[in-house]
Amino acid sequence: FRLQSEYGVETRLESGGFNTVRWLENPADAQTLAPLALPSGTKLMIDSLNRPALCFESQWGMRYFGTQYPDIKLIEVYRGTLDATQPYGR
């Protein structure tokens, strides 16, 4: 509503299709993954606190990622610093 009333822009909310998010235990792995072709249904994202995370469309996709990239550790809950001013929350 606000975008329409203040800026005259029509908006539409669409589901992204993702149901599982995992953060990278080692944020530097984001540079390793960026140039690679991720499995279908997987997207590398940066959260609101500048921490890299992977979004998966399914649990199967997350498990498949683990078989393809066994050296990249994923965590369910990010436990690092919340300093959003630093790259990747370091």
N, C-alpha and C. Protein backbone atom coordinates (compact mmCIF):
# COMPACT_ATOMS: atom_id res chain seq x y z
N PHE A 1 0.82 -1.19 0.00
CA PHE A 1 0.00 0.00 0.00
C PHE A 1 0.87 1.26 0.00
N ARG A 2 1.91 1.27 0.81
CA ARG A 2 2.73 2.47 0.91
C ARG A 2 3.43 2.80 -0.41
N LEU A 3 3.98 1.79 -1.07
CA LEU A 3 4.64 2.06 -2.35
C LEU A 3 3.66 2.63 -3.37
N GLN A 4 2.44 2.11 -3.34
CA GLN A 4 1.42 2.60 -4.27
C GLN A 4 1.02 4.03 -3.94
N SER A 5 0.77 4.31 -2.66
CA SER A 5 0.27 5.64 -2.30
C SER A 5 1.36 6.72 -2.35
N GLU A 6 2.59 6.37 -1.98
CA GLU A 6 3.64 7.39 -1.95
C GLU A 6 4.41 7.51 -3.26
N TYR A 7 4.58 6.39 -3.97
CA TYR A 7 5.43 6.41 -5.16
C TYR A 7 4.69 6.04 -6.44
N GLY A 8 3.43 5.63 -6.31
CA GLY A 8 2.67 5.25 -7.49
C GLY A 8 3.15 3.95 -8.13
N VAL A 9 3.75 3.09 -7.32
CA VAL A 9 4.30 1.83 -7.82
C VAL A 9 3.43 0.68 -7.38
N GLU A 10 3.01 -0.13 -8.34
CA GLU A 10 2.23 -1.32 -8.00
C GLU A 10 3.18 -2.42 -7.56
N THR A 11 2.84 -3.11 -6.49
CA THR A 11 3.68 -4.19 -5.99
C THR A 11 2.89 -5.49 -5.93
N ARG A 12 3.65 -6.58 -5.91
CA ARG A 12 3.06 -7.91 -5.81
C ARG A 12 4.01 -8.77 -4.99
N LEU A 13 3.48 -9.46 -4.02
CA LEU A 13 4.27 -10.36 -3.18
C LEU A 13 4.15 -11.77 -3.73
N GLU A 14 5.31 -12.38 -4.01
CA GLU A 14 5.33 -13.75 -4.51
C GLU A 14 6.19 -14.61 -3.61
N SER A 15 5.77 -15.82 -3.41
CA SER A 15 6.54 -16.77 -2.61
C SER A 15 7.81 -17.16 -3.36
N GLY A 16 8.91 -17.28 -2.62
CA GLY A 16 10.18 -17.67 -3.23
C GLY A 16 10.33 -19.16 -3.43
N GLY A 17 9.48 -19.94 -2.79
CA GLY A 17 9.56 -21.38 -2.95
C GLY A 17 10.55 -22.08 -2.04
N PHE A 18 11.25 -21.34 -1.22
CA PHE A 18 12.24 -21.95 -0.33
C PHE A 18 11.58 -22.33 0.99
N ASN A 19 12.01 -23.48 1.55
CA ASN A 19 11.45 -23.87 2.85
C ASN A 19 12.51 -24.16 3.90
N THR A 20 13.79 -24.09 3.51
CA THR A 20 14.87 -24.37 4.45
C THR A 20 16.00 -23.37 4.23
N VAL A 21 16.51 -22.81 5.31
CA VAL A 21 17.66 -21.90 5.24
C VAL A 21 18.74 -22.42 6.16
N ARG A 22 19.97 -22.39 5.70
CA ARG A 22 21.12 -22.75 6.52
C ARG A 22 22.21 -21.72 6.27
N TRP A 23 22.83 -21.30 7.37
CA TRP A 23 23.94 -20.35 7.26
C TRP A 23 25.24 -21.11 7.07
N LEU A 24 26.20 -20.45 6.46
CA LEU A 24 27.52 -21.03 6.27
C LEU A 24 28.29 -20.90 7.58
N GLU A 25 28.81 -22.02 8.08
CA GLU A 25 29.59 -21.97 9.32
C GLU A 25 30.80 -21.08 9.13
N ASN A 26 31.44 -21.18 7.98
CA ASN A 26 32.58 -20.34 7.66
C ASN A 26 32.14 -19.35 6.58
N PRO A 27 31.92 -18.09 6.93
CA PRO A 27 31.43 -17.13 5.94
C PRO A 27 32.31 -17.01 4.71
N ALA A 28 33.60 -17.32 4.83
CA ALA A 28 34.49 -17.24 3.67
C ALA A 28 34.10 -18.23 2.58
N ASP A 29 33.35 -19.27 2.94
CA ASP A 29 32.90 -20.24 1.94
C ASP A 29 31.99 -19.60 0.90
N ALA A 30 31.42 -18.46 1.21
CA ALA A 30 30.55 -17.77 0.24
C ALA A 30 31.34 -17.42 -1.02
N GLN A 31 32.61 -17.04 -0.86
CA GLN A 31 33.44 -16.73 -2.02
C GLN A 31 33.73 -17.99 -2.83
N THR A 32 33.81 -19.13 -2.15
CA THR A 32 34.03 -20.40 -2.84
C THR A 32 32.80 -20.78 -3.65
N LEU A 33 31.62 -20.59 -3.07
CA LEU A 33 30.38 -21.00 -3.72
C LEU A 33 29.93 -20.05 -4.82
N ALA A 34 30.21 -18.79 -4.70
CA ALA A 34 29.67 -17.79 -5.62
C ALA A 34 29.88 -18.14 -7.09
N PRO A 35 31.08 -18.55 -7.51
CA PRO A 35 31.25 -18.82 -8.95
C PRO A 35 30.76 -20.21 -9.38
N LEU A 36 30.41 -21.07 -8.42
CA LEU A 36 30.01 -22.43 -8.75
C LEU A 36 28.54 -22.51 -9.13
N ALA A 37 28.22 -23.52 -9.88
CA ALA A 37 26.83 -23.80 -10.20
C ALA A 37 26.22 -24.56 -9.03
N LEU A 38 25.35 -23.92 -8.29
CA LEU A 38 24.70 -24.57 -7.15
C LEU A 38 23.64 -25.53 -7.66
N PRO A 39 23.34 -26.56 -6.89
CA PRO A 39 22.28 -27.49 -7.30
C PRO A 39 20.96 -26.76 -7.53
N SER A 40 20.16 -27.30 -8.41
CA SER A 40 18.85 -26.73 -8.69
C SER A 40 18.05 -26.56 -7.40
N GLY A 41 17.38 -25.43 -7.27
CA GLY A 41 16.58 -25.18 -6.07
C GLY A 41 17.38 -24.66 -4.90
N THR A 42 18.63 -24.25 -5.14
CA THR A 42 19.50 -23.72 -4.08
C THR A 42 19.92 -22.31 -4.46
N LYS A 43 19.86 -21.41 -3.52
CA LYS A 43 20.24 -20.02 -3.78
C LYS A 43 21.12 -19.49 -2.66
N LEU A 44 22.23 -18.87 -3.01
CA LEU A 44 23.11 -18.21 -2.04
C LEU A 44 22.57 -16.81 -1.81
N MET A 45 22.29 -16.50 -0.54
CA MET A 45 21.73 -15.21 -0.18
C MET A 45 22.59 -14.57 0.92
N ILE A 46 22.38 -13.29 1.14
CA ILE A 46 22.99 -12.57 2.26
C ILE A 46 21.84 -12.08 3.13
N ASP A 47 21.86 -12.43 4.42
CA ASP A 47 20.74 -12.03 5.29
C ASP A 47 20.83 -10.56 5.68
N SER A 48 19.88 -10.11 6.46
CA SER A 48 19.81 -8.69 6.82
C SER A 48 20.97 -8.23 7.69
N LEU A 49 21.72 -9.17 8.27
CA LEU A 49 22.90 -8.82 9.06
C LEU A 49 24.18 -9.12 8.30
N ASN A 50 24.06 -9.24 6.96
CA ASN A 50 25.20 -9.41 6.07
C ASN A 50 25.90 -10.76 6.25
N ARG A 51 25.14 -11.80 6.61
CA ARG A 51 25.72 -13.14 6.78
C ARG A 51 25.27 -14.02 5.63
N PRO A 52 26.19 -14.78 5.03
CA PRO A 52 25.80 -15.63 3.90
C PRO A 52 24.99 -16.84 4.36
N ALA A 53 23.97 -17.14 3.58
CA ALA A 53 23.09 -18.27 3.88
C ALA A 53 22.69 -18.93 2.57
N LEU A 54 22.34 -20.20 2.66
CA LEU A 54 21.83 -20.92 1.52
C LEU A 54 20.34 -21.21 1.74
N CYS A 55 19.54 -20.95 0.73
CA CYS A 55 18.12 -21.26 0.77
C CYS A 55 17.89 -22.47 -0.12
N PHE A 56 17.13 -23.42 0.42
CA PHE A 56 16.83 -24.66 -0.30
C PHE A 56 15.34 -24.81 -0.48
N GLU A 57 14.93 -25.36 -1.62
CA GLU A 57 13.52 -25.60 -1.86
C GLU A 57 13.02 -26.83 -1.12
N SER A 58 13.95 -27.70 -0.70
CA SER A 58 13.52 -28.93 -0.03
C SER A 58 14.62 -29.47 0.87
N GLN A 59 14.24 -30.34 1.78
CA GLN A 59 15.22 -31.04 2.62
C GLN A 59 16.12 -31.91 1.75
N TRP A 60 15.55 -32.52 0.73
CA TRP A 60 16.34 -33.34 -0.17
C TRP A 60 17.46 -32.50 -0.80
N GLY A 61 17.11 -31.30 -1.26
CA GLY A 61 18.10 -30.42 -1.87
C GLY A 61 19.23 -30.06 -0.91
N MET A 62 18.87 -29.87 0.35
CA MET A 62 19.89 -29.57 1.36
C MET A 62 20.82 -30.77 1.55
N ARG A 63 20.25 -31.97 1.63
CA ARG A 63 21.07 -33.17 1.78
C ARG A 63 21.95 -33.39 0.55
N TYR A 64 21.40 -33.15 -0.62
CA TYR A 64 22.17 -33.29 -1.86
C TYR A 64 23.34 -32.31 -1.88
N PHE A 65 23.09 -31.08 -1.46
CA PHE A 65 24.17 -30.10 -1.37
C PHE A 65 25.29 -30.64 -0.50
N GLY A 66 24.94 -31.25 0.63
CA GLY A 66 25.95 -31.82 1.53
C GLY A 66 26.78 -32.91 0.88
N THR A 67 26.19 -33.67 -0.03
CA THR A 67 26.98 -34.71 -0.72
C THR A 67 27.89 -34.11 -1.78
N GLN A 68 27.46 -33.00 -2.38
CA GLN A 68 28.25 -32.36 -3.43
C GLN A 68 29.36 -31.46 -2.89
N TYR A 69 29.14 -30.91 -1.70
CA TYR A 69 30.09 -29.98 -1.09
C TYR A 69 30.34 -30.39 0.36
N PRO A 70 30.95 -31.55 0.57
CA PRO A 70 31.11 -32.06 1.95
C PRO A 70 32.00 -31.18 2.84
N ASP A 71 32.86 -30.36 2.25
CA ASP A 71 33.75 -29.52 3.05
C ASP A 71 33.09 -28.23 3.51
N ILE A 72 31.92 -27.93 2.99
CA ILE A 72 31.23 -26.70 3.38
C ILE A 72 30.20 -27.06 4.44
N LYS A 73 30.43 -26.55 5.64
CA LYS A 73 29.57 -26.87 6.78
C LYS A 73 28.44 -25.85 6.89
N LEU A 74 27.24 -26.37 7.08
CA LEU A 74 26.06 -25.52 7.24
C LEU A 74 25.57 -25.59 8.68
N ILE A 75 25.03 -24.49 9.15
CA ILE A 75 24.48 -24.46 10.50
C ILE A 75 23.04 -23.98 10.45
N GLU A 76 22.22 -24.53 11.35
CA GLU A 76 20.80 -24.20 11.37
C GLU A 76 20.54 -22.83 11.97
N VAL A 77 21.30 -22.47 13.00
CA VAL A 77 21.15 -21.18 13.67
C VAL A 77 22.50 -20.51 13.70
N TYR A 78 22.57 -19.29 13.18
CA TYR A 78 23.83 -18.57 13.16
C TYR A 78 24.19 -18.12 14.57
N ARG A 79 25.39 -18.47 15.02
CA ARG A 79 25.81 -18.13 16.38
C ARG A 79 26.99 -17.16 16.41
N GLY A 80 27.26 -16.51 15.30
CA GLY A 80 28.37 -15.57 15.24
C GLY A 80 27.97 -14.20 15.79
N THR A 81 28.84 -13.25 15.59
CA THR A 81 28.59 -11.89 16.03
C THR A 81 27.42 -11.28 15.27
N LEU A 82 26.74 -10.35 15.87
CA LEU A 82 25.64 -9.67 15.21
C LEU A 82 26.06 -8.30 14.70
N ASP A 83 27.34 -8.11 14.51
CA ASP A 83 27.86 -6.83 14.04
C ASP A 83 27.66 -6.72 12.53
N ALA A 84 26.58 -6.09 12.13
CA ALA A 84 26.23 -5.98 10.71
C ALA A 84 27.13 -5.01 9.96
N THR A 85 27.99 -4.28 10.65
CA THR A 85 28.87 -3.35 9.96
C THR A 85 30.08 -4.05 9.38
N GLN A 86 30.33 -5.26 9.81
CA GLN A 86 31.48 -6.03 9.32
C GLN A 86 31.04 -6.97 8.20
N PRO A 87 31.92 -7.19 7.21
CA PRO A 87 31.57 -8.13 6.15
C PRO A 87 31.25 -9.51 6.72
N TYR A 88 30.13 -10.05 6.34
CA TYR A 88 29.69 -11.37 6.77
C TYR A 88 29.65 -11.50 8.27
N GLY A 89 29.37 -10.44 8.98
CA GLY A 89 29.15 -10.49 10.43
C GLY A 89 30.38 -10.87 11.23
N ARG A 90 31.57 -10.71 10.68
CA ARG A 90 32.79 -11.06 11.41
C ARG A 90 33.12 -10.05 12.47
